[in-house]
C-alpha atoms as a PDB file:
ATOM      1  CA  PHE A   1      16.293  -4.175  -6.743  1.00  0.00           C
ATOM      2  CA  TYR A   2      14.870  -0.995  -5.276  1.00  0.00           C
ATOM      3  CA  ASN A   3      14.192  -0.939  -1.550  1.00  0.00           C
ATOM      4  CA  PRO A   4      12.183   2.168  -0.627  1.00  0.00           C
ATOM      5  CA  VAL A   5      13.050   1.754   3.063  1.00  0.00           C
ATOM      6  CA  ALA A   6      16.530   3.039   2.242  1.00  0.00           C
ATOM      7  CA  HIS A   7      14.940   6.264   0.912  1.00  0.00           C
ATOM      8  CA  ILE A   8      12.271   7.048   3.523  1.00  0.00           C
ATOM      9  CA  LYS A   9      13.362  10.675   3.926  1.00  0.00           C
ATOM     10  CA  GLU A  10      13.058  11.248   0.171  1.00  0.00           C
ATOM     11  CA  ILE A  11       9.577   9.768  -0.241  1.00  0.00           C
ATOM     12  CA  ASP A  12       6.446  11.912  -0.175  1.00  0.00           C
ATOM     13  CA  GLY A  13       4.014   9.550   1.517  1.00  0.00           C
ATOM     14  CA  GLU A  14       1.035  11.733   0.665  1.00  0.00           C
ATOM     15  CA  LYS A  15       1.420  10.443  -2.893  1.00  0.00           C
ATOM     16  CA  LEU A  16       1.358   6.762  -1.875  1.00  0.00           C
ATOM     17  CA  PHE A  17      -1.671   4.519  -1.620  1.00  0.00           C
ATOM     18  CA  ILE A  18      -0.586   1.048  -0.474  1.00  0.00           C
ATOM     19  CA  ILE A  19      -2.789  -2.042  -0.597  1.00  0.00           C
ATOM     20  CA  HIS A  20      -1.253  -5.028   1.156  1.00  0.00           C
ATOM     21  CA  ALA A  21      -2.487  -8.486   2.124  1.00  0.00           C
ATOM     22  CA  LYS A  22      -1.829  -9.959   5.566  1.00  0.00           C
ATOM     23  CA  ASP A  23      -1.164 -13.368   4.038  1.00  0.00           C
ATOM     24  CA  ASP A  24       1.625 -12.094   1.753  1.00  0.00           C
ATOM     25  CA  LYS A  25       4.474 -14.556   2.320  1.00  0.00           C
ATOM     26  CA  ILE A  26       7.024 -12.463   0.402  1.00  0.00           C
ATOM     27  CA  VAL A  27       6.623  -9.101   2.169  1.00  0.00           C
ATOM     28  CA  GLN A  28       5.339  -9.257   5.739  1.00  0.00           C
ATOM     29  CA  SER A  29       2.540  -6.853   6.544  1.00  0.00           C
ATOM     30  CA  LYS A  30       4.300  -5.647   9.707  1.00  0.00           C
ATOM     31  CA  SER A  31       7.113  -4.122   7.631  1.00  0.00           C
ATOM     32  CA  VAL A  32       4.613  -2.478   5.273  1.00  0.00           C
ATOM     33  CA  VAL A  33       2.696  -0.955   8.191  1.00  0.00           C
ATOM     34  CA  THR A  34       5.936   0.442   9.612  1.00  0.00           C
ATOM     35  CA  PHE A  35       6.976   1.832   6.229  1.00  0.00           C
ATOM     36  CA  ALA A  36       3.567   3.440   5.618  1.00  0.00           C
ATOM     37  CA  LYS A  37       3.622   5.098   9.042  1.00  0.00           C
ATOM     38  CA  ASN A  38       7.177   6.375   8.546  1.00  0.00           C
ATOM     39  CA  VAL A  39       6.386   8.056   5.230  1.00  0.00           C
ATOM     40  CA  GLY A  40       2.771   9.018   5.989  1.00  0.00           C
ATOM     41  CA  ALA A  41       1.239   6.882   3.232  1.00  0.00           C
ATOM     42  CA  LYS A  42      -2.383   5.777   2.999  1.00  0.00           C
ATOM     43  CA  LEU A  43      -2.490   2.052   3.784  1.00  0.00           C
ATOM     44  CA  VAL A  44      -5.176  -0.588   3.351  1.00  0.00           C
ATOM     45  CA  ILE A  45      -4.444  -4.011   4.855  1.00  0.00           C
ATOM     46  CA  LEU A  46      -6.528  -6.850   3.430  1.00  0.00           C
ATOM     47  CA  PRO A  47      -6.936 -10.177   5.244  1.00  0.00           C
ATOM     48  CA  ARG A  48      -6.175 -12.223   2.097  1.00  0.00           C
ATOM     49  CA  GLY A  49      -4.639 -11.703  -1.292  1.00  0.00           C
ATOM     50  CA  GLY A  50      -1.148 -13.102  -1.214  1.00  0.00           C
ATOM     51  CA  HIS A  51       1.735 -11.237  -2.801  1.00  0.00           C
ATOM     52  CA  LEU A  52       0.405 -10.146  -6.187  1.00  0.00           C
ATOM     53  CA  SER A  53      -3.321 -10.787  -5.870  1.00  0.00           C
ATOM     54  CA  ALA A  54      -3.853  -7.690  -3.746  1.00  0.00           C
ATOM     55  CA  SER A  55      -3.025  -5.544  -6.775  1.00  0.00           C
ATOM     56  CA  ARG A  56      -6.167  -6.871  -8.458  1.00  0.00           C
ATOM     57  CA  THR A  57      -8.195  -5.540  -5.559  1.00  0.00           C
ATOM     58  CA  ILE A  58      -8.175  -2.095  -7.115  1.00  0.00           C
ATOM     59  CA  MET A  59     -10.575  -3.420  -9.753  1.00  0.00           C
ATOM     60  CA  ASN A  60     -13.147  -4.170  -7.040  1.00  0.00           C
ATOM     61  CA  PRO A  61     -15.716  -1.331  -7.173  1.00  0.00           C
ATOM     62  CA  ARG A  62     -15.454  -0.728  -3.408  1.00  0.00           C
ATOM     63  CA  TRP A  63     -11.685  -0.228  -3.472  1.00  0.00           C
ATOM     64  CA  PHE A  64     -11.717   1.562  -6.806  1.00  0.00           C
ATOM     65  CA  LYS A  65     -13.896   4.280  -5.246  1.00  0.00           C
ATOM     66  CA  VAL A  66     -11.386   4.676  -2.397  1.00  0.00           C
ATOM     67  CA  PHE A  67      -8.492   4.797  -4.885  1.00  0.00           C
ATOM     68  CA  LYS A  68     -10.293   7.262  -7.155  1.00  0.00           C
ATOM     69  CA  LYS A  69     -10.972   9.578  -4.190  1.00  0.00           C
ATOM     70  CA  PHE A  70      -7.307   9.353  -3.192  1.00  0.00           C
ATOM     71  CA  ILE A  71      -6.141  10.267  -6.718  1.00  0.00           C
ATOM     72  CA  ALA A  72      -8.590  13.156  -6.929  1.00  0.00           C
ATOM     73  CA  SER A  73      -7.298  14.606  -3.668  1.00  0.00           C
ATOM     74  CA  ALA A  74      -3.654  14.521  -4.770  1.00  0.00           C
END
């Protein structure tokens, strides 16, 4: 199992776009917020979505536009 927290100094946060749901019972949003701040990643916190459902969010036209802009700027 890979834990990126152990590699914070090696991670280029400018290349990360994280979408996380507050109601994720596997990975608490507080730890994701801390990680994103430490590496300088772009972070979107959603109110709902659970653990894996947030990944489907990218298919929503609103979030896809945000993601597409992020990829184009990289």
